Amino acid sequence: MNNLLLHKSELISNREIIISGSKSETNRLFLLQALYPNLKIENASNSDDSEVMKNALQAVGTSNEINVHHAGTAMRFLTAYFAIQEGAEVVLSGSSRMHQRPIKILVDALKQLGCDISYLKEEGFPPLQIIGRKIPGNKVLIDANVSSQYITSLMLIGASLPNGLEIALKGTVTSIPYIKMTLSVLQALGIKASFHDNIIKIPFTEKLTKDTFTVESDWSSASYFYSFIALSKIDTQITLGYFKQHSLQGDAILAEIYQKFGVQTICEDQKMILTKIENPSIKHIKLHLNDAPDIAQTIIVTCLGLGVTCDLTGLHTLKIKETDRLQALKNELTKFGAKVSISADAIQLMNSITFQNDRIAIETYQDHRMAMAFAPLVLKQSLEIKNADVVSKSYVHFWNDIQHCLKD
């Protein structure tokens, strides 16, 4: 991977960017397409993670060793998928970091259904040996306070099981919008899934009643442009496509949050127009991001750029992502002179800073969101982004789109 030098610049107003389809929606649909081959997907994500997912699903029958590299979503979704493929024998592995990311809660849930999964190295972590079989079970109890992807992976296979699936959620549910996204995708395709009183019910569905799904563009990717606009001059504007006014994605809460930073969002004709209308009057912001933890990095960097202190909570899942994102944020924010405190599920920015003329190098820790979240600070000072190519995990053309929006 290459390091990228970004010289201090300004945002060009009235640029338009088309963002690729949501990785979250795309990966759900790829798995459903493998179960229901007549399904057609439009505006699919071209991210590395989605390519990994697609290629792994196509490899069934041609290879019994599948490496998902850094793709956590693929690891979780594919574990459930391969476990119900009768006759399949698969070793599912990933990068060294992936082998440090827990998967025991999902594996235990699948074993309740009668799945045959074993650990090849450390108990509770990939790589996994999966022997696919016909699953008679239809009820499972799962801890709901760790990762919504465990629950989603079960939901995605539920309609293909001969007796359907009932999932009982134990404890406080993390990232409910992502579970509701999965539910909405299933329902949009004609699967009569329901979610009430911490019980998800998905009946066996032989055939989808709708065979085409258009993926909305990715709100997580849009977050970085919200940050750019927040750090820009009054009246700076950018247009993003393709987005729905009533989104399935939890990160759509961005529009509400960034109002506090002086950013107006107008939706029309499947596009969003972002405009900086005022400088924020707030000096401190407190947010609970249990339902949208992936935008925490973007928000705290925006706060640094605006001189706003913040207290972000509900972030316990960030410690088991591509890196320990809370520690990584503390490391990099400190380079700017920020005072940062972290705990098991929170991060606090405790001071405002004065930006310097010297270039600051940002370590990315093999984490796409670290690279992209810090990019808007180029409006304040020059940056060097280490291993900048890591963005391809979720947003292949990110740096090209950013250069398109910055003055030379």
Foldseek 3Di string as FASTA:
>chain_A
DFKDWFFQFAFFFPAEDEFAFAQLVQLLVLLLCLLAVLAAEARHFPFLQSVLLNVVSVCFPPDQERESAQNPLSLQLVLLSQQAPAAHKHFYHYHPLQQVFFDQQLVVQVVVQVTDKDAPDDPRGDRIIGHHRQTPRAEGETEAQADCSSVLSCVSCQQQHQAGHKYAYPDDHFQVLSVQLSVVVCVVQPFPWDADPRMITTGHDPHTPDRYDYGFGHLLLVLLVLLLQLLHDAFGKYKYAQADPDDSALSVCSQVVSVQSQWHWDDDPRMIMIGRHDGHPAQEEEEEQRNPLSCPLLVCLSCQSSFHKYKYFNALNCCSHLHNVQVLSCVQVVQQVWDWDDDNTIITTDGHGQGDADEEEREQSLPLSSLSSNVSCSNVYMYIYGPNCSVSNRGRCVVVVVVVGTDD
